[in-house]
Amino acid sequence: MHFYCAVPHGDPYVTDESVMMTQVEEDRRFLHAPDIQLLHDQTVSQILEWQPDILLAGGPALYLSRLSEEQIN
């Protein structure tokens, strides 16, 4: 089990909150990225580099009016 450094909870230009990702590796690599919202390119790139077999990530709340069209799509 690996615990990673704090990453932004959503868009780092909007909030200074952070969350921690956890990886469990046995036969497969499982990565839990709680509520990262997939809005921070550097965090998404890091996840892709780790190449998890299974990813559980909290995506953006699409009902929030502060999200741009680009972030929603």
Protein backbone atom coordinates (compact mmCIF):
# COMPACT_ATOMS: atom_id res chain seq x y z
CA MET A 1 0.00 0.00 0.00
CA HIS A 2 1.32 3.43 -0.98
CA PHE A 3 0.15 6.83 0.18
CA TYR A 4 1.04 9.75 -2.07
CA CYS A 5 1.63 13.43 -1.43
CA ALA A 6 -1.34 15.73 -1.27
CA VAL A 7 -2.88 16.75 -4.59
CA PRO A 8 -5.41 19.49 -5.32
CA HIS A 9 -9.04 18.89 -4.42
CA GLY A 10 -10.33 20.12 -7.76
CA ASP A 11 -9.00 23.19 -9.52
CA PRO A 12 -5.95 24.53 -7.61
CA TYR A 13 -6.72 28.06 -8.84
CA VAL A 14 -10.11 27.98 -7.11
CA THR A 15 -9.36 26.16 -3.84
CA ASP A 16 -6.33 25.44 -1.67
CA GLU A 17 -7.81 22.20 -0.30
CA SER A 18 -6.05 18.91 -0.98
CA VAL A 19 -6.61 15.16 -0.82
CA MET A 20 -4.30 12.14 -0.70
CA MET A 21 -4.28 9.33 -3.25
CA THR A 22 -3.76 5.72 -2.16
CA GLN A 23 -2.53 2.77 -4.21
CA VAL A 24 -2.90 -0.91 -3.40
CA GLU A 25 -0.92 -3.37 -5.47
CA GLU A 26 -1.19 -7.14 -5.37
CA ASP A 27 -2.18 -8.95 -8.56
CA ARG A 28 -3.49 -5.65 -9.93
CA ARG A 29 -2.78 -2.00 -9.27
CA PHE A 30 -5.75 -0.18 -7.70
CA LEU A 31 -5.56 3.58 -7.25
CA HIS A 32 -8.04 5.55 -5.15
CA ALA A 33 -8.03 9.25 -6.00
CA PRO A 34 -10.81 10.61 -3.78
CA ASP A 35 -12.58 13.72 -5.01
CA ILE A 36 -9.71 14.98 -7.18
CA GLN A 37 -12.38 16.07 -9.68
CA LEU A 38 -9.96 15.47 -12.60
CA LEU A 39 -9.48 19.24 -12.96
CA HIS A 40 -5.72 19.43 -12.35
CA ASP A 41 -3.69 18.41 -15.41
CA GLN A 42 -0.57 17.54 -13.42
CA THR A 43 -2.51 15.12 -11.18
CA VAL A 44 -4.21 13.49 -14.17
CA SER A 45 -0.83 13.10 -15.91
CA GLN A 46 0.61 11.48 -12.78
CA ILE A 47 -2.26 8.98 -12.65
CA LEU A 48 -1.72 8.10 -16.32
CA GLU A 49 2.01 7.62 -15.67
CA TRP A 50 1.29 5.18 -12.81
CA GLN A 51 -0.94 3.14 -15.16
CA PRO A 52 -3.38 1.71 -12.62
CA ASP A 53 -5.43 -1.31 -13.64
CA ILE A 54 -8.38 0.05 -11.67
CA LEU A 55 -8.97 3.72 -10.83
CA LEU A 56 -11.59 5.07 -8.46
CA ALA A 57 -11.65 8.85 -8.87
CA GLY A 58 -14.21 11.42 -7.83
CA GLY A 59 -15.02 13.58 -10.84
CA PRO A 60 -16.20 17.16 -10.95
CA ALA A 61 -19.66 18.00 -9.73
CA LEU A 62 -21.14 18.97 -13.08
CA TYR A 63 -23.95 20.91 -11.43
CA LEU A 64 -21.56 23.58 -10.11
CA SER A 65 -21.97 26.84 -11.99
CA ARG A 66 -18.29 27.75 -11.44
CA LEU A 67 -17.13 25.07 -13.90
CA SER A 68 -16.25 26.30 -17.37
CA GLU A 69 -17.50 24.58 -20.54
CA GLU A 70 -13.96 23.22 -21.04
CA GLN A 71 -13.89 21.66 -17.55
CA ILE A 72 -17.30 20.05 -18.04
CA ASN A 73 -16.34 18.54 -21.39
